[in-house]
N, C-alpha and C. Protein backbone atom coordinates (compact mmCIF):
# COMPACT_ATOMS: atom_id res chain seq x y z
N MET A 1 151.15 84.66 92.95
CA MET A 1 150.12 85.64 93.27
C MET A 1 148.88 85.35 92.40
N ALA A 2 147.74 85.29 93.05
CA ALA A 2 146.48 85.02 92.34
C ALA A 2 146.11 86.20 91.45
N LYS A 3 145.55 85.88 90.29
CA LYS A 3 145.04 86.91 89.38
C LYS A 3 143.55 86.68 89.21
N TRP A 4 142.82 87.78 89.11
CA TRP A 4 141.36 87.73 89.06
C TRP A 4 140.84 88.51 87.87
N GLU A 5 139.68 88.10 87.39
CA GLU A 5 138.92 88.90 86.45
C GLU A 5 137.56 89.16 87.08
N TYR A 6 136.94 90.26 86.66
CA TYR A 6 135.70 90.70 87.29
C TYR A 6 134.63 90.95 86.23
N THR A 7 133.39 90.82 86.65
CA THR A 7 132.27 91.16 85.78
C THR A 7 131.14 91.70 86.65
N ILE A 8 130.28 92.48 86.04
CA ILE A 8 129.11 93.05 86.72
C ILE A 8 127.88 92.73 85.88
N ARG A 9 126.85 92.28 86.52
CA ARG A 9 125.55 92.06 85.86
C ARG A 9 124.54 92.96 86.56
N THR A 10 123.66 93.58 85.78
CA THR A 10 122.66 94.48 86.33
C THR A 10 121.27 93.99 85.93
N THR A 11 120.37 93.93 86.93
CA THR A 11 118.99 93.53 86.68
C THR A 11 118.04 94.51 87.38
N THR A 12 116.77 94.38 87.06
CA THR A 12 115.76 95.19 87.73
C THR A 12 115.28 94.53 89.01
N GLY A 13 115.60 93.25 89.20
CA GLY A 13 115.16 92.54 90.38
C GLY A 13 113.70 92.15 90.36
N GLU A 14 113.04 92.37 89.24
CA GLU A 14 111.60 92.07 89.15
C GLU A 14 111.34 90.57 89.10
N ASP A 15 112.31 89.81 88.60
CA ASP A 15 112.13 88.36 88.48
C ASP A 15 113.29 87.68 89.21
N MET A 16 113.10 87.38 90.49
CA MET A 16 114.17 86.80 91.29
C MET A 16 114.56 85.40 90.80
N ASP A 17 113.61 84.66 90.21
CA ASP A 17 113.95 83.35 89.64
C ASP A 17 114.96 83.52 88.50
N GLU A 18 114.74 84.54 87.68
CA GLU A 18 115.67 84.83 86.57
C GLU A 18 117.03 85.26 87.11
N ASP A 19 117.03 86.07 88.17
CA ASP A 19 118.29 86.49 88.79
C ASP A 19 119.04 85.30 89.37
N MET A 20 118.32 84.38 90.02
CA MET A 20 118.94 83.18 90.58
C MET A 20 119.53 82.31 89.48
N GLU A 21 118.81 82.19 88.38
CA GLU A 21 119.30 81.41 87.25
C GLU A 21 120.60 82.02 86.71
N MET A 22 120.65 83.34 86.58
CA MET A 22 121.84 84.04 86.13
C MET A 22 123.01 83.77 87.08
N MET A 23 122.76 83.87 88.40
CA MET A 23 123.83 83.64 89.37
C MET A 23 124.31 82.19 89.33
N ASN A 24 123.39 81.23 89.19
CA ASN A 24 123.76 79.82 89.12
C ASN A 24 124.58 79.52 87.86
N GLU A 25 124.21 80.14 86.73
CA GLU A 25 124.97 79.95 85.49
C GLU A 25 126.39 80.50 85.64
N LEU A 26 126.51 81.70 86.21
CA LEU A 26 127.84 82.27 86.41
C LEU A 26 128.64 81.44 87.41
N GLY A 27 128.00 80.95 88.46
CA GLY A 27 128.68 80.10 89.43
C GLY A 27 129.22 78.84 88.78
N ALA A 28 128.45 78.25 87.87
CA ALA A 28 128.89 77.04 87.16
C ALA A 28 130.10 77.32 86.27
N GLU A 29 130.27 78.59 85.88
CA GLU A 29 131.42 79.00 85.05
C GLU A 29 132.60 79.45 85.91
N GLY A 30 132.47 79.31 87.24
CA GLY A 30 133.57 79.64 88.13
C GLY A 30 133.53 81.03 88.73
N TRP A 31 132.48 81.79 88.44
CA TRP A 31 132.35 83.14 89.00
C TRP A 31 131.85 83.07 90.44
N GLU A 32 132.43 83.89 91.29
CA GLU A 32 132.03 83.98 92.70
C GLU A 32 131.35 85.33 92.93
N LEU A 33 130.16 85.29 93.52
CA LEU A 33 129.44 86.53 93.83
C LEU A 33 130.14 87.24 94.98
N LEU A 34 130.50 88.50 94.76
CA LEU A 34 131.17 89.29 95.78
C LEU A 34 130.20 90.17 96.55
N GLN A 35 129.30 90.81 95.81
CA GLN A 35 128.43 91.80 96.44
C GLN A 35 127.27 92.14 95.52
N VAL A 36 126.16 92.53 96.13
CA VAL A 36 125.01 93.05 95.38
C VAL A 36 124.74 94.45 95.90
N VAL A 37 124.65 95.41 94.98
CA VAL A 37 124.40 96.80 95.35
C VAL A 37 123.18 97.28 94.59
N ASN A 38 122.21 97.82 95.33
CA ASN A 38 121.06 98.37 94.62
C ASN A 38 121.26 99.86 94.39
N THR A 39 120.78 100.32 93.23
CA THR A 39 120.91 101.71 92.82
C THR A 39 119.54 102.24 92.49
N GLU A 40 119.19 103.36 93.08
CA GLU A 40 117.91 104.00 92.78
C GLU A 40 118.13 105.04 91.68
N VAL A 41 117.31 104.94 90.64
CA VAL A 41 117.37 105.89 89.54
C VAL A 41 116.27 106.92 89.77
N PHE A 42 116.66 108.18 89.81
CA PHE A 42 115.73 109.27 90.10
C PHE A 42 115.40 110.04 88.83
N VAL A 43 114.24 110.66 88.84
CA VAL A 43 113.89 111.63 87.81
C VAL A 43 113.50 112.90 88.54
N ASP A 44 113.95 114.01 88.02
CA ASP A 44 113.66 115.30 88.63
C ASP A 44 112.28 115.76 88.16
N ALA A 45 111.37 115.94 89.10
CA ALA A 45 110.01 116.36 88.76
C ALA A 45 109.97 117.75 88.15
N ASP A 46 110.94 118.58 88.50
CA ASP A 46 111.03 119.93 87.96
C ASP A 46 112.52 120.19 87.71
N ASN A 47 112.90 120.41 86.48
CA ASN A 47 114.31 120.54 86.12
C ASN A 47 115.05 121.61 86.92
N GLY A 48 114.35 122.48 87.61
CA GLY A 48 114.99 123.50 88.40
C GLY A 48 115.46 123.01 89.76
N HIS A 49 115.15 121.77 90.11
CA HIS A 49 115.50 121.23 91.42
C HIS A 49 116.65 120.26 91.30
N GLU A 50 117.47 120.20 92.34
CA GLU A 50 118.53 119.20 92.39
C GLU A 50 117.94 117.89 92.87
N GLU A 51 118.68 116.79 92.63
CA GLU A 51 118.24 115.49 93.09
C GLU A 51 117.94 115.54 94.58
N GLY A 52 116.86 114.93 94.97
CA GLY A 52 116.47 114.92 96.38
C GLY A 52 115.40 115.94 96.69
N GLN A 53 115.26 116.95 95.86
CA GLN A 53 114.21 117.95 96.05
C GLN A 53 113.17 117.73 94.96
N ASP A 54 112.02 117.25 95.35
CA ASP A 54 110.95 116.93 94.41
C ASP A 54 111.36 115.89 93.37
N SER A 55 112.32 115.03 93.73
CA SER A 55 112.71 113.93 92.85
C SER A 55 111.95 112.68 93.25
N GLU A 56 111.80 111.78 92.32
CA GLU A 56 111.14 110.54 92.64
C GLU A 56 111.93 109.37 92.05
N VAL A 57 111.88 108.24 92.75
CA VAL A 57 112.55 107.04 92.27
C VAL A 57 111.71 106.45 91.14
N VAL A 58 112.33 106.23 90.00
CA VAL A 58 111.59 105.65 88.88
C VAL A 58 111.99 104.20 88.63
N GLU A 59 113.14 103.81 89.16
CA GLU A 59 113.58 102.43 88.96
C GLU A 59 114.64 102.09 90.00
N VAL A 60 114.65 100.84 90.41
CA VAL A 60 115.70 100.33 91.28
C VAL A 60 116.42 99.24 90.50
N LEU A 61 117.74 99.37 90.41
CA LEU A 61 118.57 98.40 89.71
C LEU A 61 119.43 97.65 90.71
N PHE A 62 119.69 96.39 90.43
CA PHE A 62 120.55 95.56 91.27
C PHE A 62 121.81 95.23 90.48
N ASN A 63 122.96 95.62 91.02
CA ASN A 63 124.25 95.37 90.39
C ASN A 63 124.93 94.22 91.12
N TYR A 64 125.18 93.13 90.41
CA TYR A 64 125.82 91.94 90.95
C TYR A 64 127.29 91.95 90.53
N PHE A 65 128.18 91.93 91.50
CA PHE A 65 129.62 91.97 91.25
C PHE A 65 130.20 90.56 91.47
N PHE A 66 130.90 90.06 90.45
CA PHE A 66 131.49 88.71 90.49
C PHE A 66 132.97 88.77 90.19
N LYS A 67 133.70 87.76 90.67
CA LYS A 67 135.10 87.58 90.30
C LYS A 67 135.36 86.10 90.08
N ARG A 68 136.42 85.81 89.29
CA ARG A 68 136.89 84.44 89.16
C ARG A 68 138.38 84.46 88.90
N SER A 69 139.00 83.39 89.27
CA SER A 69 140.45 83.26 89.15
C SER A 69 140.83 83.10 87.68
N ILE A 70 141.93 83.73 87.31
CA ILE A 70 142.50 83.55 85.98
C ILE A 70 143.63 82.54 86.11
N ASP A 71 143.52 81.44 85.40
CA ASP A 71 144.54 80.38 85.50
C ASP A 71 145.75 80.72 84.66
């Protein structure tokens, strides 16, 4: 039965060349990219409101999920 280890890297996505370099370095170490998920970080414009009501996106983060085989 195959065994795996996992890692997650998070970036702002502002420098795609830097992100590509990170993915290429991990690939050279045997890591396989599984998925990229973007996450929007909100700030509440008025603390009396729940997220989505008068909230604004202040940052978008990209989460890169990798796995590699454990020998």
